[in-house]
Amino acid sequence: MIKIISDSTCDLSEELLNKYDIDILPLHVVMGDKEYIDGVNISPDEIYVWSDEHKETPKTSAVGIGEAINLFRKYIDAGEEIIAFAISEDMSTTANVMRIAAEELEKEDKIHVIDSMNLSTGVGHLVVEAAIMAKNGESAET
């Protein structure tokens, strides 16, 4: 079986995440002197409000290596293969963090990290399409 995972920049609704059984690795969002976990203790609406009020774009930091390892291990231990999507490597080191997590688990052959070369809806479309393909029995190589 194939498990689809994405970082939180895919901006998919809870409805789509549940429908396609997609897990999220949240990025960290830095707004002023406070740090939040995207989608956990701050919502997109709150980010937009802060950005409008402060006339600046919040900073982000990649997912933590421990967070990636813990999520990946859950599915690897269950015998699943993982396809993990990340925000464009031109914008974040998230894809590299995911690759390092795969190396730490010694499962580079079972964890396939995809640099989406995109952000937001662009990532989301790729993630949903991969989830549909996995649900239809396609292999990770496809």
N, C-alpha and C. Protein backbone atom coordinates (compact mmCIF):
# COMPACT_ATOMS: atom_id res chain seq x y z
N MET A 1 0.83 -1.17 0.00
CA MET A 1 0.00 0.00 0.00
C MET A 1 0.89 1.25 0.00
N ILE A 2 0.38 2.33 -0.56
CA ILE A 2 1.12 3.58 -0.65
C ILE A 2 0.45 4.64 0.21
N LYS A 3 1.25 5.31 1.03
CA LYS A 3 0.76 6.40 1.86
C LYS A 3 1.23 7.72 1.25
N ILE A 4 0.30 8.65 1.09
CA ILE A 4 0.62 9.97 0.56
C ILE A 4 0.75 10.95 1.73
N ILE A 5 1.87 11.66 1.75
CA ILE A 5 2.15 12.67 2.77
C ILE A 5 2.56 13.95 2.04
N SER A 6 2.16 15.08 2.59
CA SER A 6 2.58 16.37 2.04
C SER A 6 2.93 17.31 3.18
N ASP A 7 3.76 18.30 2.86
CA ASP A 7 3.93 19.35 3.85
C ASP A 7 2.68 20.23 3.81
N SER A 8 2.55 21.08 4.78
CA SER A 8 1.31 21.85 4.94
C SER A 8 1.09 22.92 3.88
N THR A 9 2.08 23.16 3.04
CA THR A 9 1.90 24.19 2.01
C THR A 9 0.95 23.75 0.90
N CYS A 10 0.50 22.51 0.91
CA CYS A 10 -0.44 22.05 -0.12
C CYS A 10 -1.81 22.70 0.05
N ASP A 11 -2.08 23.22 1.25
CA ASP A 11 -3.32 23.96 1.52
C ASP A 11 -4.60 23.19 1.19
N LEU A 12 -4.59 21.88 1.41
CA LEU A 12 -5.79 21.08 1.15
C LEU A 12 -6.75 21.17 2.33
N SER A 13 -8.02 21.11 2.03
CA SER A 13 -9.06 21.17 3.07
C SER A 13 -9.06 19.86 3.86
N GLU A 14 -9.61 19.94 5.07
CA GLU A 14 -9.77 18.73 5.90
C GLU A 14 -10.58 17.69 5.15
N GLU A 15 -11.57 18.15 4.39
CA GLU A 15 -12.42 17.23 3.63
C GLU A 15 -11.59 16.42 2.63
N LEU A 16 -10.71 17.07 1.89
CA LEU A 16 -9.87 16.35 0.92
C LEU A 16 -8.84 15.47 1.63
N LEU A 17 -8.25 15.97 2.70
CA LEU A 17 -7.28 15.17 3.44
C LEU A 17 -7.92 13.88 3.94
N ASN A 18 -9.12 13.98 4.47
CA ASN A 18 -9.83 12.80 4.96
C ASN A 18 -10.27 11.89 3.82
N LYS A 19 -10.81 12.47 2.76
CA LYS A 19 -11.31 11.68 1.64
C LYS A 19 -10.22 10.81 1.03
N TYR A 20 -9.00 11.38 0.90
CA TYR A 20 -7.91 10.66 0.26
C TYR A 20 -6.87 10.13 1.24
N ASP A 21 -7.16 10.23 2.55
CA ASP A 21 -6.27 9.70 3.58
C ASP A 21 -4.84 10.23 3.42
N ILE A 22 -4.72 11.54 3.35
CA ILE A 22 -3.44 12.21 3.18
C ILE A 22 -3.00 12.76 4.55
N ASP A 23 -1.74 12.51 4.90
CA ASP A 23 -1.20 13.07 6.14
C ASP A 23 -0.37 14.32 5.82
N ILE A 24 -0.31 15.20 6.81
CA ILE A 24 0.38 16.48 6.64
C ILE A 24 1.54 16.60 7.63
N LEU A 25 2.68 17.07 7.11
CA LEU A 25 3.81 17.48 7.93
C LEU A 25 3.79 19.00 7.94
N PRO A 26 3.48 19.61 9.08
CA PRO A 26 3.33 21.07 9.09
C PRO A 26 4.66 21.82 9.13
N LEU A 27 4.74 22.87 8.32
CA LEU A 27 5.86 23.79 8.41
C LEU A 27 5.66 24.68 9.63
N HIS A 28 6.69 25.37 10.01
CA HIS A 28 6.61 26.32 11.11
C HIS A 28 6.47 27.71 10.50
N VAL A 29 5.61 28.52 11.08
CA VAL A 29 5.35 29.87 10.58
C VAL A 29 5.81 30.86 11.64
N VAL A 30 6.67 31.79 11.23
CA VAL A 30 7.19 32.79 12.14
C VAL A 30 6.56 34.13 11.78
N MET A 31 5.83 34.67 12.77
CA MET A 31 5.17 35.96 12.57
C MET A 31 5.63 36.88 13.70
N GLY A 32 6.45 37.85 13.32
CA GLY A 32 7.03 38.71 14.34
C GLY A 32 7.98 37.90 15.19
N ASP A 33 7.77 37.91 16.51
CA ASP A 33 8.63 37.16 17.42
C ASP A 33 7.98 35.87 17.90
N LYS A 34 6.90 35.44 17.24
CA LYS A 34 6.20 34.21 17.64
C LYS A 34 6.28 33.17 16.52
N GLU A 35 6.41 31.92 16.94
CA GLU A 35 6.45 30.81 15.99
C GLU A 35 5.24 29.91 16.21
N TYR A 36 4.63 29.48 15.10
CA TYR A 36 3.44 28.64 15.14
C TYR A 36 3.68 27.41 14.28
N ILE A 37 2.83 26.42 14.47
CA ILE A 37 2.86 25.21 13.64
C ILE A 37 1.66 25.31 12.70
N ASP A 38 1.97 25.37 11.41
CA ASP A 38 0.96 25.60 10.37
C ASP A 38 -0.17 24.57 10.45
N GLY A 39 -1.40 25.08 10.62
CA GLY A 39 -2.57 24.22 10.67
C GLY A 39 -2.81 23.55 12.01
N VAL A 40 -1.88 23.73 12.95
CA VAL A 40 -2.03 23.12 14.27
C VAL A 40 -2.45 24.18 15.28
N ASN A 41 -1.61 25.21 15.44
CA ASN A 41 -1.97 26.26 16.39
C ASN A 41 -2.11 27.63 15.71
N ILE A 42 -2.24 27.60 14.38
CA ILE A 42 -2.59 28.80 13.62
C ILE A 42 -3.25 28.37 12.31
N SER A 43 -4.26 29.12 11.92
CA SER A 43 -5.00 28.80 10.69
C SER A 43 -4.54 29.71 9.56
N PRO A 44 -4.81 29.30 8.33
CA PRO A 44 -4.50 30.18 7.20
C PRO A 44 -5.15 31.55 7.33
N ASP A 45 -6.40 31.59 7.80
CA ASP A 45 -7.08 32.88 7.97
C ASP A 45 -6.34 33.78 8.94
N GLU A 46 -5.85 33.22 10.03
CA GLU A 46 -5.09 34.01 11.00
C GLU A 46 -3.78 34.53 10.39
N ILE A 47 -3.17 33.73 9.56
CA ILE A 47 -1.94 34.15 8.89
C ILE A 47 -2.24 35.32 7.95
N TYR A 48 -3.33 35.21 7.18
CA TYR A 48 -3.70 36.29 6.26
C TYR A 48 -4.00 37.58 7.01
N VAL A 49 -4.72 37.48 8.12
CA VAL A 49 -5.05 38.67 8.91
C VAL A 49 -3.76 39.33 9.43
N TRP A 50 -2.86 38.53 9.99
CA TRP A 50 -1.60 39.07 10.50
C TRP A 50 -0.82 39.74 9.38
N SER A 51 -0.75 39.06 8.24
CA SER A 51 -0.01 39.61 7.10
C SER A 51 -0.59 40.94 6.63
N ASP A 52 -1.92 41.03 6.56
CA ASP A 52 -2.57 42.29 6.17
C ASP A 52 -2.31 43.39 7.19
N GLU A 53 -2.40 43.05 8.46
CA GLU A 53 -2.20 44.05 9.52
C GLU A 53 -0.76 44.56 9.58
N HIS A 54 0.19 43.66 9.33
CA HIS A 54 1.61 44.02 9.46
C HIS A 54 2.27 44.37 8.12
N LYS A 55 1.53 44.21 7.04
CA LYS A 55 2.04 44.52 5.70
C LYS A 55 3.35 43.79 5.39
N GLU A 56 3.40 42.53 5.82
CA GLU A 56 4.56 41.70 5.51
C GLU A 56 4.13 40.23 5.43
N THR A 57 4.94 39.46 4.76
CA THR A 57 4.68 38.03 4.62
C THR A 57 5.38 37.30 5.76
N PRO A 58 4.67 36.42 6.45
CA PRO A 58 5.33 35.65 7.51
C PRO A 58 6.45 34.80 6.95
N LYS A 59 7.41 34.50 7.77
CA LYS A 59 8.52 33.61 7.40
C LYS A 59 8.11 32.18 7.74
N THR A 60 8.69 31.24 7.05
CA THR A 60 8.45 29.83 7.37
C THR A 60 9.78 29.14 7.61
N SER A 61 9.71 28.04 8.32
CA SER A 61 10.87 27.17 8.45
C SER A 61 10.41 25.75 8.18
N ALA A 62 11.33 24.96 7.69
CA ALA A 62 11.03 23.59 7.28
C ALA A 62 10.54 22.74 8.45
N VAL A 63 9.93 21.65 8.10
CA VAL A 63 9.51 20.68 9.12
C VAL A 63 10.76 20.18 9.84
N GLY A 64 10.59 19.78 11.09
CA GLY A 64 11.71 19.26 11.86
C GLY A 64 12.02 17.82 11.46
N ILE A 65 13.28 17.46 11.53
CA ILE A 65 13.70 16.11 11.16
C ILE A 65 13.00 15.07 12.04
N GLY A 66 12.86 15.35 13.33
CA GLY A 66 12.18 14.41 14.23
C GLY A 66 10.73 14.22 13.86
N GLU A 67 10.07 15.32 13.46
CA GLU A 67 8.66 15.24 13.05
C GLU A 67 8.52 14.35 11.81
N ALA A 68 9.43 14.54 10.86
CA ALA A 68 9.39 13.74 9.63
C ALA A 68 9.66 12.26 9.93
N ILE A 69 10.69 12.00 10.72
CA ILE A 69 11.02 10.61 11.06
C ILE A 69 9.85 9.93 11.76
N ASN A 70 9.25 10.60 12.74
CA ASN A 70 8.14 10.00 13.49
C ASN A 70 6.96 9.67 12.59
N LEU A 71 6.60 10.59 11.70
CA LEU A 71 5.47 10.32 10.81
C LEU A 71 5.81 9.22 9.82
N PHE A 72 6.98 9.28 9.22
CA PHE A 72 7.37 8.25 8.25
C PHE A 72 7.44 6.87 8.90
N ARG A 73 8.02 6.81 10.10
CA ARG A 73 8.19 5.52 10.79
C ARG A 73 6.84 4.83 10.99
N LYS A 74 5.83 5.60 11.32
CA LYS A 74 4.48 5.06 11.55
C LYS A 74 4.02 4.22 10.35
N TYR A 75 4.26 4.70 9.15
CA TYR A 75 3.78 4.00 7.96
C TYR A 75 4.78 2.95 7.47
N ILE A 76 6.06 3.22 7.61
CA ILE A 76 7.08 2.24 7.23
C ILE A 76 6.94 0.99 8.11
N ASP A 77 6.75 1.20 9.42
CA ASP A 77 6.58 0.06 10.33
C ASP A 77 5.33 -0.75 10.00
N ALA A 78 4.35 -0.12 9.38
CA ALA A 78 3.11 -0.81 8.99
C ALA A 78 3.26 -1.47 7.61
N GLY A 79 4.47 -1.37 7.02
CA GLY A 79 4.72 -2.01 5.74
C GLY A 79 4.30 -1.21 4.52
N GLU A 80 4.05 0.07 4.70
CA GLU A 80 3.62 0.91 3.58
C GLU A 80 4.79 1.61 2.92
N GLU A 81 4.60 1.93 1.67
CA GLU A 81 5.53 2.76 0.92
C GLU A 81 5.00 4.19 1.02
N ILE A 82 5.89 5.18 0.98
CA ILE A 82 5.49 6.57 1.15
C ILE A 82 5.88 7.40 -0.06
N ILE A 83 4.96 8.25 -0.49
CA ILE A 83 5.28 9.31 -1.44
C ILE A 83 5.05 10.61 -0.69
N ALA A 84 6.13 11.39 -0.52
CA ALA A 84 6.07 12.61 0.28
C ALA A 84 6.32 13.83 -0.60
N PHE A 85 5.37 14.74 -0.61
CA PHE A 85 5.47 15.95 -1.42
C PHE A 85 5.95 17.12 -0.57
N ALA A 86 6.81 17.95 -1.16
CA ALA A 86 7.34 19.12 -0.45
C ALA A 86 7.22 20.37 -1.32
N ILE A 87 7.11 21.50 -0.64
CA ILE A 87 7.15 22.80 -1.30
C ILE A 87 8.44 22.87 -2.14
N SER A 88 8.43 23.70 -3.16
CA SER A 88 9.58 23.85 -4.04
C SER A 88 10.89 24.00 -3.26
N GLU A 89 11.90 23.28 -3.70
CA GLU A 89 13.21 23.39 -3.05
C GLU A 89 13.82 24.77 -3.24
N ASP A 90 13.30 25.56 -4.17
CA ASP A 90 13.77 26.94 -4.32
C ASP A 90 13.27 27.82 -3.18
N MET A 91 12.27 27.34 -2.42
CA MET A 91 11.67 28.13 -1.35
C MET A 91 11.93 27.58 0.05
N SER A 92 12.30 26.31 0.15
CA SER A 92 12.40 25.68 1.46
C SER A 92 13.31 24.46 1.41
N THR A 93 13.83 24.10 2.57
CA THR A 93 14.65 22.88 2.68
C THR A 93 13.82 21.66 3.09
N THR A 94 12.50 21.79 3.05
CA THR A 94 11.62 20.72 3.50
C THR A 94 11.88 19.41 2.77
N ALA A 95 12.04 19.43 1.45
CA ALA A 95 12.30 18.20 0.70
C ALA A 95 13.58 17.53 1.19
N ASN A 96 14.60 18.34 1.46
CA ASN A 96 15.86 17.78 1.94
C ASN A 96 15.68 17.17 3.33
N VAL A 97 14.91 17.80 4.19
CA VAL A 97 14.63 17.24 5.51
C VAL A 97 13.95 15.88 5.36
N MET A 98 13.00 15.79 4.43
CA MET A 98 12.32 14.52 4.19
C MET A 98 13.29 13.45 3.70
N ARG A 99 14.22 13.83 2.82
CA ARG A 99 15.22 12.87 2.32
C ARG A 99 16.12 12.39 3.46
N ILE A 100 16.53 13.31 4.31
CA ILE A 100 17.38 12.94 5.45
C ILE A 100 16.61 11.99 6.38
N ALA A 101 15.33 12.24 6.59
CA ALA A 101 14.51 11.34 7.41
C ALA A 101 14.48 9.94 6.80
N ALA A 102 14.33 9.87 5.48
CA ALA A 102 14.33 8.56 4.80
C ALA A 102 15.68 7.86 5.00
N GLU A 103 16.77 8.62 4.91
CA GLU A 103 18.10 8.05 5.13
C GLU A 103 18.27 7.56 6.56
N GLU A 104 17.81 8.37 7.52
CA GLU A 104 17.92 7.99 8.94
C GLU A 104 17.17 6.68 9.20
N LEU A 105 16.06 6.50 8.53
CA LEU A 105 15.26 5.28 8.69
C LEU A 105 15.80 4.14 7.82
N GLU A 106 16.80 4.46 6.99
CA GLU A 106 17.37 3.49 6.04
C GLU A 106 16.29 2.91 5.13
N LYS A 107 15.41 3.79 4.66
CA LYS A 107 14.28 3.37 3.83
C LYS A 107 14.16 4.24 2.57
N GLU A 108 15.30 4.66 2.03
CA GLU A 108 15.26 5.50 0.82
C GLU A 108 14.53 4.81 -0.33
N ASP A 109 14.51 3.46 -0.31
CA ASP A 109 13.83 2.72 -1.36
C ASP A 109 12.31 2.66 -1.15
N LYS A 110 11.84 3.02 0.04
CA LYS A 110 10.41 2.97 0.37
C LYS A 110 9.79 4.35 0.58
N ILE A 111 10.63 5.39 0.68
CA ILE A 111 10.15 6.76 0.89
C ILE A 111 10.60 7.59 -0.31
N HIS A 112 9.64 8.00 -1.11
CA HIS A 112 9.92 8.74 -2.34
C HIS A 112 9.56 10.20 -2.12
N VAL A 113 10.58 11.06 -2.11
CA VAL A 113 10.37 12.48 -1.84
C VAL A 113 10.26 13.21 -3.17
N ILE A 114 9.20 14.00 -3.30
CA ILE A 114 8.93 14.75 -4.52
C ILE A 114 9.08 16.24 -4.26
N ASP A 115 9.99 16.87 -4.99
CA ASP A 115 10.07 18.33 -4.99
C ASP A 115 8.97 18.80 -5.91
N SER A 116 7.94 19.39 -5.37
CA SER A 116 6.78 19.79 -6.18
C SER A 116 7.10 20.91 -7.16
N MET A 117 8.20 21.63 -6.89
CA MET A 117 8.55 22.81 -7.69
C MET A 117 7.39 23.79 -7.71
N ASN A 118 6.64 23.81 -6.61
CA ASN A 118 5.42 24.59 -6.56
C ASN A 118 5.12 25.04 -5.14
N LEU A 119 3.99 25.72 -4.99
CA LEU A 119 3.50 26.20 -3.71
C LEU A 119 1.98 26.16 -3.74
N SER A 120 1.38 25.94 -2.61
CA SER A 120 -0.06 26.02 -2.39
C SER A 120 -0.86 25.13 -3.33
N THR A 121 -1.73 25.71 -4.13
CA THR A 121 -2.63 24.93 -4.98
C THR A 121 -1.86 24.02 -5.93
N GLY A 122 -0.72 24.48 -6.40
CA GLY A 122 0.10 23.64 -7.28
C GLY A 122 0.52 22.35 -6.61
N VAL A 123 0.93 22.43 -5.35
CA VAL A 123 1.29 21.24 -4.59
C VAL A 123 0.03 20.40 -4.34
N GLY A 124 -1.04 21.07 -3.95
CA GLY A 124 -2.29 20.38 -3.65
C GLY A 124 -2.80 19.52 -4.79
N HIS A 125 -2.74 20.05 -6.01
CA HIS A 125 -3.19 19.28 -7.17
C HIS A 125 -2.34 18.02 -7.35
N LEU A 126 -1.04 18.15 -7.19
CA LEU A 126 -0.15 16.98 -7.32
C LEU A 126 -0.46 15.94 -6.25
N VAL A 127 -0.67 16.40 -5.03
CA VAL A 127 -0.94 15.49 -3.91
C VAL A 127 -2.25 14.73 -4.12
N VAL A 128 -3.29 15.42 -4.51
CA VAL A 128 -4.59 14.76 -4.74
C VAL A 128 -4.48 13.77 -5.90
N GLU A 129 -3.83 14.15 -6.97
CA GLU A 129 -3.68 13.23 -8.11
C GLU A 129 -2.91 11.97 -7.69
N ALA A 130 -1.85 12.14 -6.91
CA ALA A 130 -1.10 10.97 -6.43
C ALA A 130 -1.96 10.10 -5.52
N ALA A 131 -2.79 10.72 -4.68
CA ALA A 131 -3.67 9.95 -3.80
C ALA A 131 -4.69 9.16 -4.60
N ILE A 132 -5.21 9.75 -5.65
CA ILE A 132 -6.16 9.04 -6.51
C ILE A 132 -5.47 7.85 -7.19
N MET A 133 -4.25 8.09 -7.68
CA MET A 133 -3.50 7.01 -8.33
C MET A 133 -3.21 5.87 -7.34
N ALA A 134 -2.82 6.23 -6.11
CA ALA A 134 -2.54 5.20 -5.09
C ALA A 134 -3.79 4.41 -4.76
N LYS A 135 -4.91 5.14 -4.65
CA LYS A 135 -6.18 4.48 -4.34
C LYS A 135 -6.60 3.51 -5.46
N ASN A 136 -6.18 3.83 -6.69
CA ASN A 136 -6.50 2.98 -7.84
C ASN A 136 -5.48 1.87 -8.06
N GLY A 137 -4.54 1.73 -7.10
CA GLY A 137 -3.60 0.61 -7.16
C GLY A 137 -2.34 0.86 -7.95
N GLU A 138 -2.09 2.10 -8.34
CA GLU A 138 -0.84 2.40 -9.07
C GLU A 138 0.35 2.20 -8.15
N SER A 139 1.50 1.91 -8.73
CA SER A 139 2.72 1.73 -7.93
C SER A 139 3.37 3.09 -7.67
N ALA A 140 4.27 3.13 -6.73
CA ALA A 140 4.98 4.36 -6.41
C ALA A 140 5.83 4.83 -7.59
N GLU A 141 6.31 3.91 -8.39
CA GLU A 141 7.12 4.26 -9.55
C GLU A 141 6.32 4.97 -10.63
N THR A 142 5.01 4.74 -10.65
CA THR A 142 4.17 5.35 -11.67
C THR A 142 4.07 6.82 -11.41
